[in-house]
PDB file of N, CA and C in Angstrom:
ATOM      1  N   MET A   1      -5.671  10.231 -16.843  1.00  0.00           N
ATOM      2  CA  MET A   1      -4.872  10.754 -15.767  1.00  0.00           C
ATOM      3  C   MET A   1      -4.470   9.610 -14.837  1.00  0.00           C
ATOM      4  N   THR A   2      -3.229   9.620 -14.435  1.00  0.00           N
ATOM      5  CA  THR A   2      -2.696   8.576 -13.573  1.00  0.00           C
ATOM      6  C   THR A   2      -3.029   8.854 -12.115  1.00  0.00           C
ATOM      7  N   THR A   3      -3.512   7.815 -11.437  1.00  0.00           N
ATOM      8  CA  THR A   3      -3.760   7.917 -10.004  1.00  0.00           C
ATOM      9  C   THR A   3      -2.483   7.530  -9.275  1.00  0.00           C
ATOM     10  N   ILE A   4      -2.159   8.301  -8.254  1.00  0.00           N
ATOM     11  CA  ILE A   4      -0.946   8.063  -7.470  1.00  0.00           C
ATOM     12  C   ILE A   4      -1.341   7.905  -6.009  1.00  0.00           C
ATOM     13  N   LEU A   5      -0.758   6.913  -5.368  1.00  0.00           N
ATOM     14  CA  LEU A   5      -0.910   6.722  -3.932  1.00  0.00           C
ATOM     15  C   LEU A   5       0.324   7.311  -3.263  1.00  0.00           C
ATOM     16  N   ARG A   6       0.125   8.300  -2.408  1.00  0.00           N
ATOM     17  CA  ARG A   6       1.235   8.914  -1.674  1.00  0.00           C
ATOM     18  C   ARG A   6       1.273   8.302  -0.276  1.00  0.00           C
ATOM     19  N   ALA A   7       2.458   7.818   0.103  1.00  0.00           N
ATOM     20  CA  ALA A   7       2.664   7.204   1.419  1.00  0.00           C
ATOM     21  C   ALA A   7       3.793   7.937   2.131  1.00  0.00           C
ATOM     22  N   VAL A   8       3.481   8.504   3.284  1.00  0.00           N
ATOM     23  CA  VAL A   8       4.479   9.220   4.082  1.00  0.00           C
ATOM     24  C   VAL A   8       4.669   8.447   5.394  1.00  0.00           C
ATOM     25  N   PRO A   9       5.884   7.943   5.639  1.00  0.00           N
ATOM     26  CA  PRO A   9       6.118   7.233   6.901  1.00  0.00           C
ATOM     27  C   PRO A   9       5.834   8.142   8.097  1.00  0.00           C
ATOM     28  N   LYS A  10       5.048   7.623   9.046  1.00  0.00           N
ATOM     29  CA  LYS A  10       4.714   8.384  10.253  1.00  0.00           C
ATOM     30  C   LYS A  10       5.936   8.511  11.156  1.00  0.00           C
ATOM     31  N   ALA A  11       5.964   9.584  11.913  1.00  0.00           N
ATOM     32  CA  ALA A  11       7.023   9.766  12.896  1.00  0.00           C
ATOM     33  C   ALA A  11       6.840   8.748  14.022  1.00  0.00           C
ATOM     34  N   GLY A  12       7.936   8.313  14.582  1.00  0.00           N
ATOM     35  CA  GLY A  12       7.905   7.397  15.722  1.00  0.00           C
ATOM     36  C   GLY A  12       8.590   8.039  16.907  1.00  0.00           C
ATOM     37  N   GLU A  13       8.690   7.309  17.989  1.00  0.00           N
ATOM     38  CA  GLU A  13       9.346   7.833  19.183  1.00  0.00           C
ATOM     39  C   GLU A  13      10.805   8.185  18.918  1.00  0.00           C
ATOM     40  N   ASP A  14      11.460   7.400  18.094  1.00  0.00           N
ATOM     41  CA  ASP A  14      12.903   7.559  17.888  1.00  0.00           C
ATOM     42  C   ASP A  14      13.282   8.107  16.508  1.00  0.00           C
ATOM     43  N   TYR A  15      12.302   8.472  15.696  1.00  0.00           N
ATOM     44  CA  TYR A  15      12.638   8.958  14.357  1.00  0.00           C
ATOM     45  C   TYR A  15      11.569   9.939  13.875  1.00  0.00           C
ATOM     46  N   PRO A  16      11.965  10.875  13.007  1.00  0.00           N
ATOM     47  CA  PRO A  16      11.018  11.879  12.496  1.00  0.00           C
ATOM     48  C   PRO A  16      10.152  11.313  11.374  1.00  0.00           C
ATOM     49  N   GLN A  17       9.155  12.094  10.981  1.00  0.00           N
ATOM     50  CA  GLN A  17       8.323  11.713   9.838  1.00  0.00           C
ATOM     51  C   GLN A  17       9.224  11.532   8.627  1.00  0.00           C
ATOM     52  N   GLY A  18       8.926  10.539   7.797  1.00  0.00           N
ATOM     53  CA  GLY A  18       9.763  10.221   6.650  1.00  0.00           C
ATOM     54  C   GLY A  18       9.412  11.011   5.403  1.00  0.00           C
ATOM     55  N   ILE A  19      10.149  10.741   4.354  1.00  0.00           N
ATOM     56  CA  ILE A  19       9.965  11.371   3.049  1.00  0.00           C
ATOM     57  C   ILE A  19       8.872  10.622   2.282  1.00  0.00           C
ATOM     58  N   ALA A  20       8.022  11.359   1.589  1.00  0.00           N
ATOM     59  CA  ALA A  20       6.906  10.759   0.853  1.00  0.00           C
ATOM     60  C   ALA A  20       7.392   9.885  -0.300  1.00  0.00           C
ATOM     61  N   SER A  21       6.681   8.785  -0.511  1.00  0.00           N
ATOM     62  CA  SER A  21       6.850   7.945  -1.696  1.00  0.00           C
ATOM     63  C   SER A  21       5.569   8.049  -2.498  1.00  0.00           C
ATOM     64  N   GLU A  22       5.696   8.060  -3.813  1.00  0.00           N
ATOM     65  CA  GLU A  22       4.531   8.073  -4.686  1.00  0.00           C
ATOM     66  C   GLU A  22       4.512   6.771  -5.465  1.00  0.00           C
ATOM     67  N   ILE A  23       3.406   6.049  -5.333  1.00  0.00           N
ATOM     68  CA  ILE A  23       3.262   4.729  -5.942  1.00  0.00           C
ATOM     69  C   ILE A  23       2.209   4.832  -7.033  1.00  0.00           C
ATOM     70  N   SER A  24       2.536   4.322  -8.214  1.00  0.00           N
ATOM     71  CA  SER A  24       1.594   4.365  -9.331  1.00  0.00           C
ATOM     72  C   SER A  24       1.799   3.141 -10.206  1.00  0.00           C
ATOM     73  N   ILE A  25       0.922   3.005 -11.175  1.00  0.00           N
ATOM     74  CA  ILE A  25       1.008   1.935 -12.171  1.00  0.00           C
ATOM     75  C   ILE A  25       1.246   2.609 -13.516  1.00  0.00           C
ATOM     76  N   THR A  26       2.279   2.188 -14.238  1.00  0.00           N
ATOM     77  CA  THR A  26       2.586   2.787 -15.531  1.00  0.00           C
ATOM     78  C   THR A  26       1.583   2.325 -16.583  1.00  0.00           C
ATOM     79  N   ALA A  27       1.610   2.966 -17.734  1.00  0.00           N
ATOM     80  CA  ALA A  27       0.693   2.629 -18.836  1.00  0.00           C
ATOM     81  C   ALA A  27       0.847   1.176 -19.273  1.00  0.00           C
ATOM     82  N   ASP A  28       2.048   0.613 -19.116  1.00  0.00           N
ATOM     83  CA  ASP A  28       2.261  -0.786 -19.510  1.00  0.00           C
ATOM     84  C   ASP A  28       2.081  -1.760 -18.346  1.00  0.00           C
ATOM     85  N   GLY A  29       1.481  -1.288 -17.220  1.00  0.00           N
ATOM     86  CA  GLY A  29       1.121  -2.173 -16.123  1.00  0.00           C
ATOM     87  C   GLY A  29       2.209  -2.466 -15.110  1.00  0.00           C
ATOM     88  N   GLN A  30       3.275  -1.679 -15.107  1.00  0.00           N
ATOM     89  CA  GLN A  30       4.364  -1.891 -14.150  1.00  0.00           C
ATOM     90  C   GLN A  30       4.158  -1.031 -12.908  1.00  0.00           C
ATOM     91  N   LEU A  31       4.498  -1.584 -11.756  1.00  0.00           N
ATOM     92  CA  LEU A  31       4.444  -0.841 -10.504  1.00  0.00           C
ATOM     93  C   LEU A  31       5.623   0.128 -10.479  1.00  0.00           C
ATOM     94  N   GLN A  32       5.348   1.381 -10.118  1.00  0.00           N
ATOM     95  CA  GLN A  32       6.389   2.403 -10.094  1.00  0.00           C
ATOM     96  C   GLN A  32       6.379   3.101  -8.736  1.00  0.00           C
ATOM     97  N   VAL A  33       7.568   3.261  -8.153  1.00  0.00           N
ATOM     98  CA  VAL A  33       7.717   3.976  -6.888  1.00  0.00           C
ATOM     99  C   VAL A  33       8.684   5.124  -7.130  1.00  0.00           C
ATOM    100  N   LYS A  34       8.273   6.330  -6.720  1.00  0.00           N
ATOM    101  CA  LYS A  34       9.133   7.505  -6.816  1.00  0.00           C
ATOM    102  C   LYS A  34       9.323   8.074  -5.421  1.00  0.00           C
ATOM    103  N   CYS A  35      10.575   8.408  -5.108  1.00  0.00           N
ATOM    104  CA  CYS A  35      10.894   8.986  -3.806  1.00  0.00           C
ATOM    105  C   CYS A  35      12.207   9.742  -3.929  1.00  0.00           C
ATOM    106  N   ASP A  36      12.304  10.894  -3.286  1.00  0.00           N
ATOM    107  CA  ASP A  36      13.514  11.711  -3.358  1.00  0.00           C
ATOM    108  C   ASP A  36      14.602  11.262  -2.390  1.00  0.00           C
ATOM    109  N   ASP A  37      14.319  10.270  -1.575  1.00  0.00           N
ATOM    110  CA  ASP A  37      15.279   9.793  -0.580  1.00  0.00           C
ATOM    111  C   ASP A  37      15.603   8.329  -0.872  1.00  0.00           C
ATOM    112  N   ASP A  38      16.872   8.027  -1.132  1.00  0.00           N
ATOM    113  CA  ASP A  38      17.282   6.665  -1.506  1.00  0.00           C
ATOM    114  C   ASP A  38      16.930   5.627  -0.446  1.00  0.00           C
ATOM    115  N   GLU A  39      17.138   5.953   0.827  1.00  0.00           N
ATOM    116  CA  GLU A  39      16.866   4.992   1.907  1.00  0.00           C
ATOM    117  C   GLU A  39      15.365   4.683   1.995  1.00  0.00           C
ATOM    118  N   THR A  40      14.526   5.712   1.892  1.00  0.00           N
ATOM    119  CA  THR A  40      13.075   5.512   1.930  1.00  0.00           C
ATOM    120  C   THR A  40      12.613   4.740   0.701  1.00  0.00           C
ATOM    121  N   TYR A  41      13.187   5.044  -0.456  1.00  0.00           N
ATOM    122  CA  TYR A  41      12.851   4.322  -1.690  1.00  0.00           C
ATOM    123  C   TYR A  41      13.142   2.828  -1.527  1.00  0.00           C
ATOM    124  N   GLU A  42      14.330   2.503  -1.041  1.00  0.00           N
ATOM    125  CA  GLU A  42      14.701   1.096  -0.841  1.00  0.00           C
ATOM    126  C   GLU A  42      13.761   0.410   0.139  1.00  0.00           C
ATOM    127  N   TRP A  43      13.433   1.107   1.242  1.00  0.00           N
ATOM    128  CA  TRP A  43      12.540   0.545   2.248  1.00  0.00           C
ATOM    129  C   TRP A  43      11.166   0.276   1.646  1.00  0.00           C
ATOM    130  N   MET A  44      10.626   1.253   0.897  1.00  0.00           N
ATOM    131  CA  MET A  44       9.287   1.101   0.315  1.00  0.00           C
ATOM    132  C   MET A  44       9.257  -0.018  -0.718  1.00  0.00           C
ATOM    133  N   THR A  45      10.236  -0.057  -1.621  1.00  0.00           N
ATOM    134  CA  THR A  45      10.223  -1.095  -2.657  1.00  0.00           C
ATOM    135  C   THR A  45      10.387  -2.485  -2.041  1.00  0.00           C
ATOM    136  N   THR A  46      11.203  -2.581  -0.995  1.00  0.00           N
ATOM    137  CA  THR A  46      11.375  -3.865  -0.307  1.00  0.00           C
ATOM    138  C   THR A  46      10.086  -4.261   0.407  1.00  0.00           C
ATOM    139  N   LEU A  47       9.450  -3.311   1.057  1.00  0.00           N
ATOM    140  CA  LEU A  47       8.178  -3.578   1.744  1.00  0.00           C
ATOM    141  C   LEU A  47       7.128  -4.080   0.755  1.00  0.00           C
ATOM    142  N   LEU A  48       7.013  -3.410  -0.384  1.00  0.00           N
ATOM    143  CA  LEU A  48       6.030  -3.829  -1.388  1.00  0.00           C
ATOM    144  C   LEU A  48       6.336  -5.226  -1.925  1.00  0.00           C
ATOM    145  N   ALA A  49       7.591  -5.470  -2.266  1.00  0.00           N
ATOM    146  CA  ALA A  49       7.966  -6.737  -2.897  1.00  0.00           C
ATOM    147  C   ALA A  49       8.010  -7.917  -1.931  1.00  0.00           C
ATOM    148  N   GLU A  50       8.491  -7.686  -0.728  1.00  0.00           N
ATOM    149  CA  GLU A  50       8.741  -8.810   0.173  1.00  0.00           C
ATOM    150  C   GLU A  50       7.714  -8.987   1.280  1.00  0.00           C
ATOM    151  N   SER A  51       6.969  -7.925   1.611  1.00  0.00           N
ATOM    152  CA  SER A  51       6.009  -8.042   2.704  1.00  0.00           C
ATOM    153  C   SER A  51       4.561  -8.006   2.224  1.00  0.00           C
ATOM    154  N   LEU A  52       4.252  -7.118   1.303  1.00  0.00           N
ATOM    155  CA  LEU A  52       2.859  -6.979   0.880  1.00  0.00           C
ATOM    156  C   LEU A  52       2.495  -7.898  -0.275  1.00  0.00           C
ATOM    157  N   PHE A  53       3.388  -8.061  -1.232  1.00  0.00           N
ATOM    158  CA  PHE A  53       3.096  -8.894  -2.405  1.00  0.00           C
ATOM    159  C   PHE A  53       3.210 -10.370  -2.037  1.00  0.00           C
ATOM    160  N   VAL A  54       2.184 -11.150  -2.402  1.00  0.00           N
ATOM    161  CA  VAL A  54       2.189 -12.584  -2.131  1.00  0.00           C
ATOM    162  C   VAL A  54       2.411 -13.309  -3.455  1.00  0.00           C
ATOM    163  N   GLU A  55       3.545 -13.983  -3.568  1.00  0.00           N
ATOM    164  CA  GLU A  55       3.925 -14.675  -4.804  1.00  0.00           C
ATOM    165  C   GLU A  55       2.804 -15.611  -5.268  1.00  0.00           C
ATOM    166  N   GLY A  56       2.471 -15.509  -6.535  1.00  0.00           N
ATOM    167  CA  GLY A  56       1.436 -16.353  -7.120  1.00  0.00           C
ATOM    168  C   GLY A  56       0.017 -15.848  -6.910  1.00  0.00           C
ATOM    169  N   HIS A  57      -0.158 -14.801  -6.091  1.00  0.00           N
ATOM    170  CA  HIS A  57      -1.490 -14.269  -5.805  1.00  0.00           C
ATOM    171  C   HIS A  57      -1.608 -12.783  -6.112  1.00  0.00           C
ATOM    172  N   GLY A  58      -0.663 -11.989  -5.652  1.00  0.00           N
ATOM    173  CA  GLY A  58      -0.714 -10.538  -5.832  1.00  0.00           C
ATOM    174  C   GLY A  58      -0.754  -9.835  -4.488  1.00  0.00           C
ATOM    175  N   PHE A  59      -1.376  -8.664  -4.477  1.00  0.00           N
ATOM    176  CA  PHE A  59      -1.503  -7.882  -3.244  1.00  0.00           C
ATOM    177  C   PHE A  59      -2.825  -8.216  -2.564  1.00  0.00           C
ATOM    178  N   PRO A  60      -2.811  -8.447  -1.253  1.00  0.00           N
ATOM    179  CA  PRO A  60      -4.059  -8.734  -0.539  1.00  0.00           C
ATOM    180  C   PRO A  60      -5.016  -7.539  -0.579  1.00  0.00           C
ATOM    181  N   SER A  61      -6.266  -7.833  -0.842  1.00  0.00           N
ATOM    182  CA  SER A  61      -7.327  -6.829  -0.781  1.00  0.00           C
ATOM    183  C   SER A  61      -8.069  -7.082   0.525  1.00  0.00           C
ATOM    184  N   LEU A  62      -8.084  -6.083   1.396  1.00  0.00           N
ATOM    185  CA  LEU A  62      -8.685  -6.262   2.711  1.00  0.00           C
ATOM    186  C   LEU A  62     -10.103  -5.708   2.750  1.00  0.00           C
ATOM    187  N   LYS A  63     -10.927  -6.326   3.580  1.00  0.00           N
ATOM    188  CA  LYS A  63     -12.331  -5.932   3.699  1.00  0.00           C
ATOM    189  C   LYS A  63     -12.464  -4.611   4.449  1.00  0.00           C
ATOM    190  N   ARG A  64     -13.377  -3.778   3.945  1.00  0.00           N
ATOM    191  CA  ARG A  64     -13.687  -2.500   4.591  1.00  0.00           C
ATOM    192  C   ARG A  64     -15.147  -2.510   5.007  1.00  0.00           C
ATOM    193  N   GLY A  65     -15.426  -1.876   6.133  1.00  0.00           N
ATOM    194  CA  GLY A  65     -16.785  -1.772   6.639  1.00  0.00           C
ATOM    195  C   GLY A  65     -17.517  -0.618   5.965  1.00  0.00           C
ATOM    196  N   PRO A  66     -18.794  -0.430   6.317  1.00  0.00           N
ATOM    197  CA  PRO A  66     -19.593   0.657   5.760  1.00  0.00           C
ATOM    198  C   PRO A  66     -18.991   2.044   6.014  1.00  0.00           C
ATOM    199  N   ASP A  67     -18.184   2.148   7.077  1.00  0.00           N
ATOM    200  CA  ASP A  67     -17.546   3.425   7.410  1.00  0.00           C
ATOM    201  C   ASP A  67     -16.243   3.644   6.644  1.00  0.00           C
ATOM    202  N   GLY A  68     -15.846   2.658   5.824  1.00  0.00           N
ATOM    203  CA  GLY A  68     -14.626   2.778   5.034  1.00  0.00           C
ATOM    204  C   GLY A  68     -13.370   2.303   5.739  1.00  0.00           C
ATOM    205  N   LYS A  69     -13.500   1.885   6.994  1.00  0.00           N
ATOM    206  CA  LYS A  69     -12.342   1.432   7.755  1.00  0.00           C
ATOM    207  C   LYS A  69     -12.114  -0.063   7.537  1.00  0.00           C
ATOM    208  N   LEU A  70     -10.851  -0.486   7.664  1.00  0.00           N
ATOM    209  CA  LEU A  70     -10.527  -1.900   7.553  1.00  0.00           C
ATOM    210  C   LEU A  70     -11.214  -2.672   8.674  1.00  0.00           C
ATOM    211  N   VAL A  71     -11.660  -3.892   8.354  1.00  0.00           N
ATOM    212  CA  VAL A  71     -12.401  -4.723   9.301  1.00  0.00           C
ATOM    213  C   VAL A  71     -11.495  -5.830   9.834  1.00  0.00           C
ATOM    214  N   LYS A  72     -11.439  -5.953  11.166  1.00  0.00           N
ATOM    215  CA  LYS A  72     -10.658  -7.020  11.797  1.00  0.00           C
ATOM    216  C   LYS A  72     -11.562  -8.182  12.165  1.00  0.00           C
ATOM    217  N   ASP A  73     -11.019  -9.379  12.064  1.00  0.00           N
ATOM    218  CA  ASP A  73     -11.698 -10.577  12.538  1.00  0.00           C
ATOM    219  C   ASP A  73     -11.400 -10.673  14.031  1.00  0.00           C
ATOM    220  N   PRO A  74     -12.411 -10.519  14.900  1.00  0.00           N
ATOM    221  CA  PRO A  74     -12.142 -10.499  16.346  1.00  0.00           C
ATOM    222  C   PRO A  74     -11.547 -11.799  16.877  1.00  0.00           C
ATOM    223  N   ALA A  75     -11.818 -12.911  16.216  1.00  0.00           N
ATOM    224  CA  ALA A  75     -11.315 -14.193  16.699  1.00  0.00           C
ATOM    225  C   ALA A  75      -9.799 -14.299  16.563  1.00  0.00           C
ATOM    226  N   ILE A  76      -9.247 -13.731  15.506  1.00  0.00           N
ATOM    227  CA  ILE A  76      -7.798 -13.845  15.288  1.00  0.00           C
ATOM    228  C   ILE A  76      -7.083 -12.490  15.346  1.00  0.00           C
ATOM    229  N   ARG A  77      -7.853 -11.409  15.503  1.00  0.00           N
ATOM    230  CA  ARG A  77      -7.323 -10.055  15.599  1.00  0.00           C
ATOM    231  C   ARG A  77      -6.462  -9.664  14.398  1.00  0.00           C
ATOM    232  N   ARG A  78      -6.894 -10.093  13.238  1.00  0.00           N
ATOM    233  CA  ARG A  78      -6.225  -9.725  11.984  1.00  0.00           C
ATOM    234  C   ARG A  78      -7.271  -9.163  11.039  1.00  0.00           C
ATOM    235  N   TYR A  79      -6.817  -8.381  10.086  1.00  0.00           N
ATOM    236  CA  TYR A  79      -7.751  -7.818   9.113  1.00  0.00           C
ATOM    237  C   TYR A  79      -8.305  -8.914   8.219  1.00  0.00           C
ATOM    238  N   LYS A  80      -9.583  -8.760   7.841  1.00  0.00           N
ATOM    239  CA  LYS A  80     -10.254  -9.754   6.999  1.00  0.00           C
ATOM    240  C   LYS A  80      -9.810  -9.601   5.549  1.00  0.00           C
ATOM    241  N   LEU A  81      -9.470 -10.705   4.945  1.00  0.00           N
ATOM    242  CA  LEU A  81      -9.016 -10.756   3.565  1.00  0.00           C
ATOM    243  C   LEU A  81     -10.203 -10.964   2.636  1.00  0.00           C
ATOM    244  N   GLU A  82     -10.296 -10.128   1.594  1.00  0.00           N
ATOM    245  CA  GLU A  82     -11.352 -10.313   0.595  1.00  0.00           C
ATOM    246  C   GLU A  82     -10.854 -11.111  -0.601  1.00  0.00           C
ATOM    247  N   GLY A  83      -9.572 -11.031  -0.872  1.00  0.00           N
ATOM    248  CA  GLY A  83      -9.002 -11.710  -2.024  1.00  0.00           C
ATOM    249  C   GLY A  83      -7.649 -11.091  -2.354  1.00  0.00           C
ATOM    250  N   TYR A  84      -7.206 -11.316  -3.593  1.00  0.00           N
ATOM    251  CA  TYR A  84      -5.916 -10.788  -4.030  1.00  0.00           C
ATOM    252  C   TYR A  84      -6.093 -10.041  -5.347  1.00  0.00           C
ATOM    253  N   VAL A  85      -5.230  -9.073  -5.561  1.00  0.00           N
ATOM    254  CA  VAL A  85      -5.247  -8.278  -6.783  1.00  0.00           C
ATOM    255  C   VAL A  85      -3.852  -8.351  -7.397  1.00  0.00           C
ATOM    256  N   ASP A  86      -3.764  -8.824  -8.646  1.00  0.00           N
ATOM    257  CA  ASP A  86      -2.453  -8.855  -9.295  1.00  0.00           C
ATOM    258  C   ASP A  86      -2.323  -7.669 -10.253  1.00  0.00           C
ATOM    259  N   LEU A  87      -1.151  -7.505 -10.802  1.00  0.00           N
ATOM    260  CA  LEU A  87      -0.882  -6.338 -11.647  1.00  0.00           C
ATOM    261  C   LEU A  87      -1.666  -6.333 -12.949  1.00  0.00           C
ATOM    262  N   ALA A  88      -2.331  -7.438 -13.296  1.00  0.00           N
ATOM    263  CA  ALA A  88      -3.160  -7.477 -14.502  1.00  0.00           C
ATOM    264  C   ALA A  88      -4.507  -6.784 -14.277  1.00  0.00           C
ATOM    265  N   GLN A  89      -4.856  -6.536 -13.018  1.00  0.00           N
ATOM    266  CA  GLN A  89      -6.118  -5.874 -12.690  1.00  0.00           C
ATOM    267  C   GLN A  89      -6.010  -4.380 -12.989  1.00  0.00           C
ATOM    268  N   PRO A  90      -7.138  -3.661 -13.039  1.00  0.00           N
ATOM    269  CA  PRO A  90      -7.099  -2.215 -13.264  1.00  0.00           C
ATOM    270  C   PRO A  90      -6.217  -1.524 -12.219  1.00  0.00           C
ATOM    271  N   PRO A  91      -5.460  -0.501 -12.634  1.00  0.00           N
ATOM    272  CA  PRO A  91      -4.536   0.181 -11.718  1.00  0.00           C
ATOM    273  C   PRO A  91      -5.169   0.640 -10.409  1.00  0.00           C
ATOM    274  N   GLN A  92      -6.390   1.145 -10.444  1.00  0.00           N
ATOM    275  CA  GLN A  92      -7.027   1.626  -9.212  1.00  0.00           C
ATOM    276  C   GLN A  92      -7.216   0.492  -8.210  1.00  0.00           C
ATOM    277  N   GLN A  93      -7.546  -0.711  -8.695  1.00  0.00           N
ATOM    278  CA  GLN A  93      -7.707  -1.862  -7.798  1.00  0.00           C
ATOM    279  C   GLN A  93      -6.372  -2.274  -7.190  1.00  0.00           C
ATOM    280  N   VAL A  94      -5.318  -2.240  -8.000  1.00  0.00           N
ATOM    281  CA  VAL A  94      -3.983  -2.605  -7.500  1.00  0.00           C
ATOM    282  C   VAL A  94      -3.550  -1.610  -6.431  1.00  0.00           C
ATOM    283  N   LEU A  95      -3.699  -0.322  -6.725  1.00  0.00           N
ATOM    284  CA  LEU A  95      -3.300   0.702  -5.762  1.00  0.00           C
ATOM    285  C   LEU A  95      -4.137   0.644  -4.491  1.00  0.00           C
ATOM    286  N   GLN A  96      -5.423   0.307  -4.616  1.00  0.00           N
ATOM    287  CA  GLN A  96      -6.269   0.185  -3.420  1.00  0.00           C
ATOM    288  C   GLN A  96      -5.796  -0.979  -2.549  1.00  0.00           C
ATOM    289  N   ALA A  97      -5.409  -2.096  -3.167  1.00  0.00           N
ATOM    290  CA  ALA A  97      -4.904  -3.233  -2.392  1.00  0.00           C
ATOM    291  C   ALA A  97      -3.591  -2.867  -1.699  1.00  0.00           C
ATOM    292  N   ILE A  98      -2.731  -2.115  -2.391  1.00  0.00           N
ATOM    293  CA  ILE A  98      -1.483  -1.658  -1.773  1.00  0.00           C
ATOM    294  C   ILE A  98      -1.805  -0.728  -0.606  1.00  0.00           C
ATOM    295  N   ARG A  99      -2.755   0.169  -0.816  1.00  0.00           N
ATOM    296  CA  ARG A  99      -3.163   1.080   0.264  1.00  0.00           C
ATOM    297  C   ARG A  99      -3.676   0.285   1.462  1.00  0.00           C
ATOM    298  N   ASP A 100      -4.482  -0.773   1.215  1.00  0.00           N
ATOM    299  CA  ASP A 100      -4.984  -1.610   2.306  1.00  0.00           C
ATOM    300  C   ASP A 100      -3.831  -2.139   3.152  1.00  0.00           C
ATOM    301  N   GLY A 101      -2.825  -2.678   2.486  1.00  0.00           N
ATOM    302  CA  GLY A 101      -1.693  -3.252   3.205  1.00  0.00           C
ATOM    303  C   GLY A 101      -0.901  -2.211   3.979  1.00  0.00           C
ATOM    304  N   LEU A 102      -0.673  -1.060   3.362  1.00  0.00           N
ATOM    305  CA  LEU A 102       0.065   0.001   4.048  1.00  0.00           C
ATOM    306  C   LEU A 102      -0.739   0.557   5.216  1.00  0.00           C
ATOM    307  N   GLU A 103      -2.052   0.695   5.021  1.00  0.00           N
ATOM    308  CA  GLU A 103      -2.910   1.187   6.099  1.00  0.00           C
ATOM    309  C   GLU A 103      -2.923   0.205   7.264  1.00  0.00           C
ATOM    310  N   ALA A 104      -2.969  -1.078   6.967  1.00  0.00           N
ATOM    311  CA  ALA A 104      -2.987  -2.104   8.012  1.00  0.00           C
ATOM    312  C   ALA A 104      -1.709  -2.075   8.850  1.00  0.00           C
ATOM    313  N   SER A 105      -0.609  -1.669   8.247  1.00  0.00           N
ATOM    314  CA  SER A 105       0.649  -1.605   8.991  1.00  0.00           C
ATOM    315  C   SER A 105       0.658  -0.451   9.990  1.00  0.00           C
ATOM    316  N   ASP A 106      -0.208   0.531   9.780  1.00  0.00           N
ATOM    317  CA  ASP A 106      -0.327   1.719  10.634  1.00  0.00           C
ATOM    318  C   ASP A 106       0.983   2.496  10.737  1.00  0.00           C
ATOM    319  N   ARG A 107       1.802   2.430   9.692  1.00  0.00           N
ATOM    320  CA  ARG A 107       3.085   3.132   9.703  1.00  0.00           C
ATOM    321  C   ARG A 107       3.139   4.287   8.710  1.00  0.00           C
ATOM    322  N   PHE A 108       1.998   4.553   8.022  1.00  0.00           N
ATOM    323  CA  PHE A 108       2.009   5.562   6.969  1.00  0.00           C
ATOM    324  C   PHE A 108       0.800   6.479   7.035  1.00  0.00           C
ATOM    325  N   GLU A 109       0.999   7.714   6.607  1.00  0.00           N
ATOM    326  CA  GLU A 109      -0.100   8.608   6.310  1.00  0.00           C
ATOM    327  C   GLU A 109      -0.308   8.465   4.804  1.00  0.00           C
ATOM    328  N   LEU A 110      -1.534   8.161   4.395  1.00  0.00           N
ATOM    329  CA  LEU A 110      -1.820   7.830   3.000  1.00  0.00           C
ATOM    330  C   LEU A 110      -2.781   8.817   2.381  1.00  0.00           C
ATOM    331  N   SER A 111      -2.583   9.106   1.101  1.00  0.00           N
ATOM    332  CA  SER A 111      -3.503   9.980   0.376  1.00  0.00           C
ATOM    333  C   SER A 111      -3.433   9.667  -1.106  1.00  0.00           C
ATOM    334  N   TRP A 112      -4.498  10.026  -1.807  1.00  0.00           N
ATOM    335  CA  TRP A 112      -4.561   9.878  -3.265  1.00  0.00           C
ATOM    336  C   TRP A 112      -4.137  11.189  -3.912  1.00  0.00           C
ATOM    337  N   VAL A 113      -3.389  11.098  -4.987  1.00  0.00           N
ATOM    338  CA  VAL A 113      -2.981  12.257  -5.766  1.00  0.00           C
ATOM    339  C   VAL A 113      -3.441  12.008  -7.193  1.00  0.00           C
ATOM    340  N   ASN A 114      -4.181  12.942  -7.762  1.00  0.00           N
ATOM    341  CA  ASN A 114      -4.634  12.765  -9.152  1.00  0.00           C
ATOM    342  C   ASN A 114      -3.994  13.798 -10.046  1.00  0.00           C
TER     343      ASN A 114
END
């Protein structure tokens, strides 16, 4: 069964809650984004490719505390990096790293769909 990460853009002061995107890894290891709204699809794919993905490394995997929340380094006020996950890794690890990045942006409501 394929695991899917659902990301719904949060509402802001000047805009309503967005349309959900579903992010998954295909059987052949390709990243797949599905969304019923063309503008949201373009935004999500651009965010993944240009902001979250680090060329030559993959997606950043961020450190989580015992409570499951992302951990910030108080000295620099940024989330602590554990490493990188590329598309050759198991799909669940790739999707978790993507979730870390989206969660850190605080712009999405995130959930797992099985």
